PDB file of N, CA and C in Angstrom:
ATOM      1  N   MET A   1     -13.040  -4.783  -3.239  1.00  0.00           N
ATOM      2  CA  MET A   1     -11.476  -5.298  -3.714  1.00  0.00           C
ATOM      3  C   MET A   1     -11.757  -6.729  -2.393  1.00  0.00           C
ATOM      4  N   LEU A   2     -11.795  -6.700  -1.094  1.00  0.00           N
ATOM      5  CA  LEU A   2     -11.637  -6.763  -0.451  1.00  0.00           C
ATOM      6  C   LEU A   2     -12.069  -8.918  -0.516  1.00  0.00           C
ATOM      7  N   SER A   3     -12.813  -8.350  -0.931  1.00  0.00           N
ATOM      8  CA  SER A   3     -14.202  -9.534  -0.473  1.00  0.00           C
ATOM      9  C   SER A   3     -13.505 -11.200  -1.068  1.00  0.00           C
ATOM     10  N   ARG A   4     -13.021 -10.645  -2.502  1.00  0.00           N
ATOM     11  CA  ARG A   4     -12.299 -11.445  -3.120  1.00  0.00           C
ATOM     12  C   ARG A   4     -11.468 -12.961  -2.392  1.00  0.00           C
ATOM     13  N   ILE A   5     -10.835 -11.874  -2.104  1.00  0.00           N
ATOM     14  CA  ILE A   5      -9.893 -12.519  -1.149  1.00  0.00           C
ATOM     15  C   ILE A   5     -10.083 -13.460   0.172  1.00  0.00           C
ATOM     16  N   GLU A   6     -11.460 -12.523   0.681  1.00  0.00           N
ATOM     17  CA  GLU A   6     -12.727 -13.616   2.055  1.00  0.00           C
ATOM     18  C   GLU A   6     -12.917 -13.912   1.285  1.00  0.00           C
ATOM     19  N   THR A   7     -13.395 -14.463  -0.188  1.00  0.00           N
ATOM     20  CA  THR A   7     -13.744 -15.890  -0.215  1.00  0.00           C
ATOM     21  C   THR A   7     -12.617 -16.938  -0.834  1.00  0.00           C
ATOM     22  N   MET A   8     -11.441 -16.037  -1.040  1.00  0.00           N
ATOM     23  CA  MET A   8     -10.724 -17.454  -1.787  1.00  0.00           C
ATOM     24  C   MET A   8      -9.934 -18.463   0.123  1.00  0.00           C
ATOM     25  N   THR A   9     -10.368 -17.504   0.856  1.00  0.00           N
ATOM     26  CA  THR A   9      -9.899 -17.553   2.060  1.00  0.00           C
ATOM     27  C   THR A   9     -10.318 -18.586   3.052  1.00  0.00           C
ATOM     28  N   LEU A  10     -12.301 -18.574   2.722  1.00  0.00           N
ATOM     29  CA  LEU A  10     -13.407 -19.084   3.441  1.00  0.00           C
ATOM     30  C   LEU A  10     -12.650 -20.924   2.731  1.00  0.00           C
ATOM     31  N   MET A  11     -13.143 -20.394   1.538  1.00  0.00           N
ATOM     32  CA  MET A  11     -12.659 -21.595   0.626  1.00  0.00           C
ATOM     33  C   MET A  11     -11.790 -22.868   1.048  1.00  0.00           C
ATOM     34  N   GLY A  12     -10.239 -22.681   1.268  1.00  0.00           N
ATOM     35  CA  GLY A  12      -9.682 -23.555   1.722  1.00  0.00           C
ATOM     36  C   GLY A  12      -9.255 -23.418   3.216  1.00  0.00           C
ATOM     37  N   ILE A  13      -9.365 -22.588   4.320  1.00  0.00           N
ATOM     38  CA  ILE A  13      -9.529 -22.667   5.414  1.00  0.00           C
ATOM     39  C   ILE A  13     -11.184 -22.493   6.405  1.00  0.00           C
ATOM     40  N   ASP A  14     -11.024 -22.826   7.327  1.00  0.00           N
ATOM     41  CA  ASP A  14     -12.333 -22.888   8.444  1.00  0.00           C
ATOM     42  C   ASP A  14     -11.536 -21.959   9.276  1.00  0.00           C
ATOM     43  N   LEU A  15     -12.291 -20.675   8.743  1.00  0.00           N
ATOM     44  CA  LEU A  15     -11.287 -20.032  10.173  1.00  0.00           C
ATOM     45  C   LEU A  15     -13.585 -18.902   9.971  1.00  0.00           C
ATOM     46  N   PRO A  16     -13.916 -18.380  11.319  1.00  0.00           N
ATOM     47  CA  PRO A  16     -15.002 -17.367  11.079  1.00  0.00           C
ATOM     48  C   PRO A  16     -13.736 -16.193  10.366  1.00  0.00           C
ATOM     49  N   LEU A  17     -15.052 -15.665  10.064  1.00  0.00           N
ATOM     50  CA  LEU A  17     -14.571 -14.355   8.711  1.00  0.00           C
ATOM     51  C   LEU A  17     -14.097 -13.538   9.363  1.00  0.00           C
ATOM     52  N   GLU A  18     -14.252 -12.988  10.921  1.00  0.00           N
ATOM     53  CA  GLU A  18     -14.075 -11.992  11.754  1.00  0.00           C
ATOM     54  C   GLU A  18     -12.499 -11.979  11.655  1.00  0.00           C
ATOM     55  N   ALA A  19     -11.605 -13.607  11.664  1.00  0.00           N
ATOM     56  CA  ALA A  19     -10.904 -13.461  12.583  1.00  0.00           C
ATOM     57  C   ALA A  19      -9.880 -13.443  10.391  1.00  0.00           C
ATOM     58  N   ILE A  20     -10.203 -14.121   9.642  1.00  0.00           N
ATOM     59  CA  ILE A  20      -9.963 -13.444   8.051  1.00  0.00           C
ATOM     60  C   ILE A  20     -10.158 -12.383   8.145  1.00  0.00           C
ATOM     61  N   ARG A  21     -10.749 -11.404   8.106  1.00  0.00           N
ATOM     62  CA  ARG A  21     -10.302 -10.344   8.225  1.00  0.00           C
ATOM     63  C   ARG A  21     -10.069  -9.449   8.797  1.00  0.00           C
ATOM     64  N   ARG A  22      -9.857 -10.072  10.317  1.00  0.00           N
ATOM     65  CA  ARG A  22      -8.411  -9.386  11.015  1.00  0.00           C
ATOM     66  C   ARG A  22      -6.974  -9.962  10.518  1.00  0.00           C
ATOM     67  N   GLN A  23      -6.261 -10.800   9.595  1.00  0.00           N
ATOM     68  CA  GLN A  23      -5.521 -11.443   9.473  1.00  0.00           C
ATOM     69  C   GLN A  23      -5.157 -10.968   8.088  1.00  0.00           C
ATOM     70  N   ILE A  24      -6.372  -9.975   6.822  1.00  0.00           N
ATOM     71  CA  ILE A  24      -6.173  -9.329   6.355  1.00  0.00           C
ATOM     72  C   ILE A  24      -5.758  -7.713   6.822  1.00  0.00           C
ATOM     73  N   ALA A  25      -6.218  -7.729   7.530  1.00  0.00           N
ATOM     74  CA  ALA A  25      -6.260  -5.962   8.090  1.00  0.00           C
ATOM     75  C   ALA A  25      -4.720  -5.580   8.740  1.00  0.00           C
ATOM     76  N   SER A  26      -4.122  -6.403   9.160  1.00  0.00           N
ATOM     77  CA  SER A  26      -3.699  -6.790   9.597  1.00  0.00           C
ATOM     78  C   SER A  26      -1.815  -6.599   8.590  1.00  0.00           C
ATOM     79  N   GLY A  27      -2.003  -7.697   7.731  1.00  0.00           N
ATOM     80  CA  GLY A  27      -0.966  -8.194   6.086  1.00  0.00           C
ATOM     81  C   GLY A  27      -0.647  -7.637   5.593  1.00  0.00           C
ATOM     82  N   VAL A  28      -1.906  -6.494   5.272  1.00  0.00           N
ATOM     83  CA  VAL A  28      -2.044  -5.592   3.354  1.00  0.00           C
ATOM     84  C   VAL A  28      -1.703  -4.662   4.172  1.00  0.00           C
ATOM     85  N   ASP A  29      -1.261  -3.718   3.141  1.00  0.00           N
ATOM     86  CA  ASP A  29      -1.430  -2.248   3.478  1.00  0.00           C
ATOM     87  C   ASP A  29      -1.896  -1.734   2.931  1.00  0.00           C
ATOM     88  N   VAL A  30      -1.012  -1.988   1.437  1.00  0.00           N
ATOM     89  CA  VAL A  30      -1.912  -0.507  -0.134  1.00  0.00           C
ATOM     90  C   VAL A  30      -2.630  -1.920  -0.581  1.00  0.00           C
ATOM     91  N   LEU A  31      -3.328  -1.375  -1.626  1.00  0.00           N
ATOM     92  CA  LEU A  31      -4.422  -2.406  -2.094  1.00  0.00           C
ATOM     93  C   LEU A  31      -4.116  -1.858  -3.304  1.00  0.00           C
ATOM     94  N   VAL A  32      -3.639  -2.709  -5.135  1.00  0.00           N
ATOM     95  CA  VAL A  32      -3.687  -2.135  -6.103  1.00  0.00           C
ATOM     96  C   VAL A  32      -4.510  -2.788  -6.869  1.00  0.00           C
ATOM     97  N   HIS A  33      -5.327  -2.066  -7.738  1.00  0.00           N
ATOM     98  CA  HIS A  33      -6.604  -2.363  -8.564  1.00  0.00           C
ATOM     99  C   HIS A  33      -6.658  -1.808 -10.251  1.00  0.00           C
ATOM    100  N   LEU A  34      -6.317  -3.447 -10.696  1.00  0.00           N
ATOM    101  CA  LEU A  34      -6.203  -3.150 -11.861  1.00  0.00           C
ATOM    102  C   LEU A  34      -7.689  -3.653 -12.597  1.00  0.00           C
ATOM    103  N   GLY A  35      -7.632  -2.989 -13.437  1.00  0.00           N
ATOM    104  CA  GLY A  35      -9.488  -3.798 -14.427  1.00  0.00           C
ATOM    105  C   GLY A  35      -9.510  -3.446 -15.528  1.00  0.00           C
ATOM    106  N   ARG A  36      -9.977  -4.079 -16.497  1.00  0.00           N
ATOM    107  CA  ARG A  36      -9.820  -4.168 -18.269  1.00  0.00           C
ATOM    108  C   ARG A  36     -11.155  -2.658 -18.192  1.00  0.00           C
ATOM    109  N   MET A  37     -10.210  -1.889 -19.562  1.00  0.00           N
ATOM    110  CA  MET A  37     -11.041  -1.026 -20.281  1.00  0.00           C
ATOM    111  C   MET A  37     -11.767  -1.638 -20.878  1.00  0.00           C
ATOM    112  N   ARG A  38     -12.645  -0.898 -21.789  1.00  0.00           N
ATOM    113  CA  ARG A  38     -13.346  -1.178 -23.224  1.00  0.00           C
ATOM    114  C   ARG A  38     -12.097  -1.740 -24.669  1.00  0.00           C
ATOM    115  N   ASP A  39     -11.701  -1.070 -24.374  1.00  0.00           N
ATOM    116  CA  ASP A  39     -10.635  -1.383 -25.485  1.00  0.00           C
ATOM    117  C   ASP A  39      -9.558  -2.417 -25.450  1.00  0.00           C
ATOM    118  N   LYS A  40     -10.043  -3.603 -23.920  1.00  0.00           N
ATOM    119  CA  LYS A  40     -10.002  -4.953 -23.835  1.00  0.00           C
ATOM    120  C   LYS A  40      -8.392  -4.290 -22.779  1.00  0.00           C
ATOM    121  N   SER A  41      -7.420  -2.694 -22.836  1.00  0.00           N
ATOM    122  CA  SER A  41      -6.414  -2.875 -21.731  1.00  0.00           C
ATOM    123  C   SER A  41      -6.823  -2.547 -20.530  1.00  0.00           C
ATOM    124  N   ARG A  42      -5.816  -3.184 -19.808  1.00  0.00           N
ATOM    125  CA  ARG A  42      -5.618  -3.323 -19.083  1.00  0.00           C
ATOM    126  C   ARG A  42      -5.219  -1.986 -17.926  1.00  0.00           C
ATOM    127  N   LYS A  43      -5.689  -1.258 -17.393  1.00  0.00           N
ATOM    128  CA  LYS A  43      -5.118   0.032 -16.328  1.00  0.00           C
ATOM    129  C   LYS A  43      -5.587  -0.086 -15.089  1.00  0.00           C
ATOM    130  N   LEU A  44      -4.985   0.719 -14.085  1.00  0.00           N
ATOM    131  CA  LEU A  44      -4.325   1.240 -13.148  1.00  0.00           C
ATOM    132  C   LEU A  44      -5.781   1.718 -12.818  1.00  0.00           C
ATOM    133  N   LEU A  45      -6.752   0.497 -11.857  1.00  0.00           N
ATOM    134  CA  LEU A  45      -7.445   2.206 -11.092  1.00  0.00           C
ATOM    135  C   LEU A  45      -8.105   2.769 -10.454  1.00  0.00           C
ATOM    136  N   GLU A  46      -7.481   2.146  -9.015  1.00  0.00           N
ATOM    137  CA  GLU A  46      -6.863   2.480  -7.787  1.00  0.00           C
ATOM    138  C   GLU A  46      -6.243   2.459  -7.099  1.00  0.00           C
ATOM    139  N   ILE A  47      -5.408   3.265  -5.872  1.00  0.00           N
ATOM    140  CA  ILE A  47      -5.252   2.702  -4.657  1.00  0.00           C
ATOM    141  C   ILE A  47      -5.269   2.988  -3.743  1.00  0.00           C
ATOM    142  N   THR A  48      -5.279   2.313  -2.885  1.00  0.00           N
ATOM    143  CA  THR A  48      -6.141   2.027  -1.610  1.00  0.00           C
ATOM    144  C   THR A  48      -5.515   1.106  -0.070  1.00  0.00           C
ATOM    145  N   GLU A  49      -5.498   2.664   0.372  1.00  0.00           N
ATOM    146  CA  GLU A  49      -4.662   2.179   1.412  1.00  0.00           C
ATOM    147  C   GLU A  49      -5.109   1.586   2.668  1.00  0.00           C
ATOM    148  N   VAL A  50      -5.351  -0.040   3.795  1.00  0.00           N
ATOM    149  CA  VAL A  50      -5.585  -0.425   4.551  1.00  0.00           C
ATOM    150  C   VAL A  50      -5.097   0.243   5.464  1.00  0.00           C
ATOM    151  N   CYS A  51      -6.410   0.642   6.073  1.00  0.00           N
ATOM    152  CA  CYS A  51      -6.351   0.920   8.059  1.00  0.00           C
ATOM    153  C   CYS A  51      -6.436   0.716   8.972  1.00  0.00           C
ATOM    154  N   GLY A  52      -6.722  -0.386   9.035  1.00  0.00           N
ATOM    155  CA  GLY A  52      -7.266  -1.313   9.980  1.00  0.00           C
ATOM    156  C   GLY A  52      -8.634  -2.022  10.375  1.00  0.00           C
ATOM    157  N   PHE A  53      -9.108  -2.355  10.873  1.00  0.00           N
ATOM    158  CA  PHE A  53     -10.187  -3.472  11.391  1.00  0.00           C
ATOM    159  C   PHE A  53     -10.599  -2.688  12.680  1.00  0.00           C
ATOM    160  N   GLU A  54     -12.295  -2.391  12.014  1.00  0.00           N
ATOM    161  CA  GLU A  54     -13.052  -2.214  12.955  1.00  0.00           C
ATOM    162  C   GLU A  54     -14.919  -2.238  13.119  1.00  0.00           C
ATOM    163  N   ASN A  55     -15.412  -3.030  13.775  1.00  0.00           N
ATOM    164  CA  ASN A  55     -16.594  -3.032  13.516  1.00  0.00           C
ATOM    165  C   ASN A  55     -16.756  -4.332  12.812  1.00  0.00           C
ATOM    166  N   GLY A  56     -15.827  -5.025  12.990  1.00  0.00           N
ATOM    167  CA  GLY A  56     -16.306  -5.896  12.245  1.00  0.00           C
ATOM    168  C   GLY A  56     -15.383  -6.139  11.152  1.00  0.00           C
ATOM    169  N   GLU A  57     -15.297  -4.762  10.788  1.00  0.00           N
ATOM    170  CA  GLU A  57     -15.092  -4.744   8.934  1.00  0.00           C
ATOM    171  C   GLU A  57     -12.980  -4.234   8.786  1.00  0.00           C
ATOM    172  N   ILE A  58     -13.182  -4.389   7.754  1.00  0.00           N
ATOM    173  CA  ILE A  58     -11.691  -3.715   6.748  1.00  0.00           C
ATOM    174  C   ILE A  58     -11.895  -2.552   6.953  1.00  0.00           C
ATOM    175  N   GLN A  59     -11.070  -2.144   7.662  1.00  0.00           N
ATOM    176  CA  GLN A  59     -11.338  -0.405   6.910  1.00  0.00           C
ATOM    177  C   GLN A  59     -10.325   0.317   5.765  1.00  0.00           C
ATOM    178  N   THR A  60     -10.139   0.850   5.014  1.00  0.00           N
ATOM    179  CA  THR A  60      -9.459   1.347   3.809  1.00  0.00           C
ATOM    180  C   THR A  60     -10.087   2.239   3.316  1.00  0.00           C
ATOM    181  N   ARG A  61      -9.241   2.940   2.891  1.00  0.00           N
ATOM    182  CA  ARG A  61      -9.049   4.767   2.234  1.00  0.00           C
ATOM    183  C   ARG A  61      -8.417   4.794   1.020  1.00  0.00           C
ATOM    184  N   PRO A  62      -9.617   4.818  -0.225  1.00  0.00           N
ATOM    185  CA  PRO A  62      -8.870   5.704  -1.304  1.00  0.00           C
ATOM    186  C   PRO A  62      -7.724   6.713  -1.383  1.00  0.00           C
ATOM    187  N   LEU A  63      -6.460   5.905  -2.084  1.00  0.00           N
ATOM    188  CA  LEU A  63      -5.413   7.292  -2.304  1.00  0.00           C
ATOM    189  C   LEU A  63      -5.552   7.387  -3.640  1.00  0.00           C
ATOM    190  N   TYR A  64      -5.265   7.062  -4.772  1.00  0.00           N
ATOM    191  CA  TYR A  64      -6.136   7.479  -5.914  1.00  0.00           C
ATOM    192  C   TYR A  64      -6.795   6.723  -6.476  1.00  0.00           C
ATOM    193  N   ARG A  65      -7.112   7.955  -7.410  1.00  0.00           N
ATOM    194  CA  ARG A  65      -8.476   7.025  -7.750  1.00  0.00           C
ATOM    195  C   ARG A  65      -8.591   7.465  -9.742  1.00  0.00           C
ATOM    196  N   ARG A  66      -8.676   5.879 -10.680  1.00  0.00           N
ATOM    197  CA  ARG A  66      -9.027   6.476 -12.024  1.00  0.00           C
ATOM    198  C   ARG A  66     -10.505   7.501 -12.064  1.00  0.00           C
ATOM    199  N   GLU A  67     -10.297   8.658 -13.095  1.00  0.00           N
ATOM    200  CA  GLU A  67     -12.029  10.008 -13.130  1.00  0.00           C
ATOM    201  C   GLU A  67     -11.180   9.575 -14.985  1.00  0.00           C
ATOM    202  N   GLU A  68     -12.435   9.495 -15.355  1.00  0.00           N
ATOM    203  CA  GLU A  68     -13.121   9.438 -16.454  1.00  0.00           C
ATOM    204  C   GLU A  68     -12.513  11.138 -17.767  1.00  0.00           C
ATOM    205  N   GLY A  69     -11.754  10.768 -18.431  1.00  0.00           N
ATOM    206  CA  GLY A  69     -10.822  12.118 -19.138  1.00  0.00           C
ATOM    207  C   GLY A  69     -10.049  12.718 -17.980  1.00  0.00           C
ATOM    208  N   LYS A  70      -9.504  12.444 -16.598  1.00  0.00           N
ATOM    209  CA  LYS A  70      -8.203  12.660 -15.903  1.00  0.00           C
ATOM    210  C   LYS A  70      -7.264  11.547 -16.257  1.00  0.00           C
ATOM    211  N   GLY A  71      -7.264  11.005 -15.631  1.00  0.00           N
ATOM    212  CA  GLY A  71      -6.388   9.913 -15.884  1.00  0.00           C
ATOM    213  C   GLY A  71      -6.316   9.942 -14.152  1.00  0.00           C
ATOM    214  N   LEU A  72      -5.279   9.034 -13.670  1.00  0.00           N
ATOM    215  CA  LEU A  72      -5.455   8.258 -11.715  1.00  0.00           C
ATOM    216  C   LEU A  72      -5.868   9.679 -11.653  1.00  0.00           C
ATOM    217  N   VAL A  73      -5.960   9.806 -10.216  1.00  0.00           N
ATOM    218  CA  VAL A  73      -6.069  11.142  -9.586  1.00  0.00           C
ATOM    219  C   VAL A  73      -6.086  11.118  -8.264  1.00  0.00           C
ATOM    220  N   LYS A  74      -5.108  12.287  -7.130  1.00  0.00           N
ATOM    221  CA  LYS A  74      -5.061  11.550  -6.296  1.00  0.00           C
ATOM    222  C   LYS A  74      -6.131  12.321  -5.347  1.00  0.00           C
ATOM    223  N   VAL A  75      -7.026  10.975  -3.997  1.00  0.00           N
ATOM    224  CA  VAL A  75      -7.852  11.862  -3.102  1.00  0.00           C
ATOM    225  C   VAL A  75      -7.210  11.223  -1.970  1.00  0.00           C
ATOM    226  N   ASN A  76      -6.523  10.836  -1.244  1.00  0.00           N
ATOM    227  CA  ASN A  76      -5.938  11.213  -0.451  1.00  0.00           C
ATOM    228  C   ASN A  76      -4.745  11.353  -0.546  1.00  0.00           C
ATOM    229  N   THR A  77      -4.144  10.683   1.410  1.00  0.00           N
ATOM    230  CA  THR A  77      -3.659  10.724   1.434  1.00  0.00           C
ATOM    231  C   THR A  77      -2.279  10.070   2.566  1.00  0.00           C
ATOM    232  N   LEU A  78      -1.703   9.522   1.952  1.00  0.00           N
ATOM    233  CA  LEU A  78      -1.361   7.918   2.868  1.00  0.00           C
ATOM    234  C   LEU A  78      -1.551   8.611   4.709  1.00  0.00           C
ATOM    235  N   LEU A  79      -1.752   7.250   5.316  1.00  0.00           N
ATOM    236  CA  LEU A  79      -1.653   7.860   6.005  1.00  0.00           C
ATOM    237  C   LEU A  79      -0.264   7.038   7.027  1.00  0.00           C
ATOM    238  N   HIS A  80      -0.122   5.586   7.027  1.00  0.00           N
ATOM    239  CA  HIS A  80       0.630   5.444   7.563  1.00  0.00           C
ATOM    240  C   HIS A  80       1.621   4.534   7.046  1.00  0.00           C
ATOM    241  N   CYS A  81       2.645   5.700   7.153  1.00  0.00           N
ATOM    242  CA  CYS A  81       3.817   5.676   6.075  1.00  0.00           C
ATOM    243  C   CYS A  81       4.809   5.243   6.346  1.00  0.00           C
ATOM    244  N   GLU A  82       4.752   4.420   7.947  1.00  0.00           N
ATOM    245  CA  GLU A  82       5.723   4.617   8.418  1.00  0.00           C
ATOM    246  C   GLU A  82       6.901   3.616   7.421  1.00  0.00           C
ATOM    247  N   LYS A  83       6.143   1.903   7.019  1.00  0.00           N
ATOM    248  CA  LYS A  83       6.857   0.833   6.362  1.00  0.00           C
ATOM    249  C   LYS A  83       7.857   1.991   5.413  1.00  0.00           C
ATOM    250  N   MET A  84       7.547   2.303   4.531  1.00  0.00           N
ATOM    251  CA  MET A  84       7.979   2.784   3.454  1.00  0.00           C
ATOM    252  C   MET A  84       9.415   4.158   4.569  1.00  0.00           C
ATOM    253  N   GLU A  85       9.057   5.084   5.394  1.00  0.00           N
ATOM    254  CA  GLU A  85       9.986   5.479   5.240  1.00  0.00           C
ATOM    255  C   GLU A  85      11.663   4.588   6.127  1.00  0.00           C
ATOM    256  N   ARG A  86      11.083   3.289   6.886  1.00  0.00           N
ATOM    257  CA  ARG A  86      11.943   2.487   7.714  1.00  0.00           C
ATOM    258  C   ARG A  86      12.478   2.011   5.898  1.00  0.00           C
ATOM    259  N   ALA A  87      12.191   1.502   4.955  1.00  0.00           N
ATOM    260  CA  ALA A  87      12.625   0.954   3.540  1.00  0.00           C
ATOM    261  C   ALA A  87      13.345   2.165   2.593  1.00  0.00           C
ATOM    262  N   GLY A  88      13.695   3.469   3.269  1.00  0.00           N
ATOM    263  CA  GLY A  88      13.761   4.635   3.387  1.00  0.00           C
ATOM    264  C   GLY A  88      13.277   5.065   1.716  1.00  0.00           C
ATOM    265  N   ILE A  89      12.169   5.525   1.583  1.00  0.00           N
ATOM    266  CA  ILE A  89      10.955   5.528   1.439  1.00  0.00           C
ATOM    267  C   ILE A  89      10.976   7.054   1.578  1.00  0.00           C
ATOM    268  N   LYS A  90      11.287   8.684   0.957  1.00  0.00           N
ATOM    269  CA  LYS A  90      10.075   9.680   1.171  1.00  0.00           C
ATOM    270  C   LYS A  90       9.399   9.668   0.748  1.00  0.00           C
ATOM    271  N   LEU A  91       8.302  10.374   1.691  1.00  0.00           N
ATOM    272  CA  LEU A  91       6.758  10.738   0.293  1.00  0.00           C
ATOM    273  C   LEU A  91       6.465  11.911   0.415  1.00  0.00           C
TER     274      LEU A  91
END
């Protein structure tokens, strides 16, 4: 999911890949992945938490994932919920 953001950034700015990855990891909290289905409709496929940067890689953790015949299924709980709590959102 993040490789497209990395590629677009590399095309516009002359920065090392590690610097770009660090910026993405510090600036993005949650990714929402939409995809086109066979019937041409768009559906939510996955919600992923960005957990940080380690060993040159952006660390992610899936929260919800679309499964065939089940729809969107919760697979993990949000770890870093401080920002949402500060905004008054109770989880």
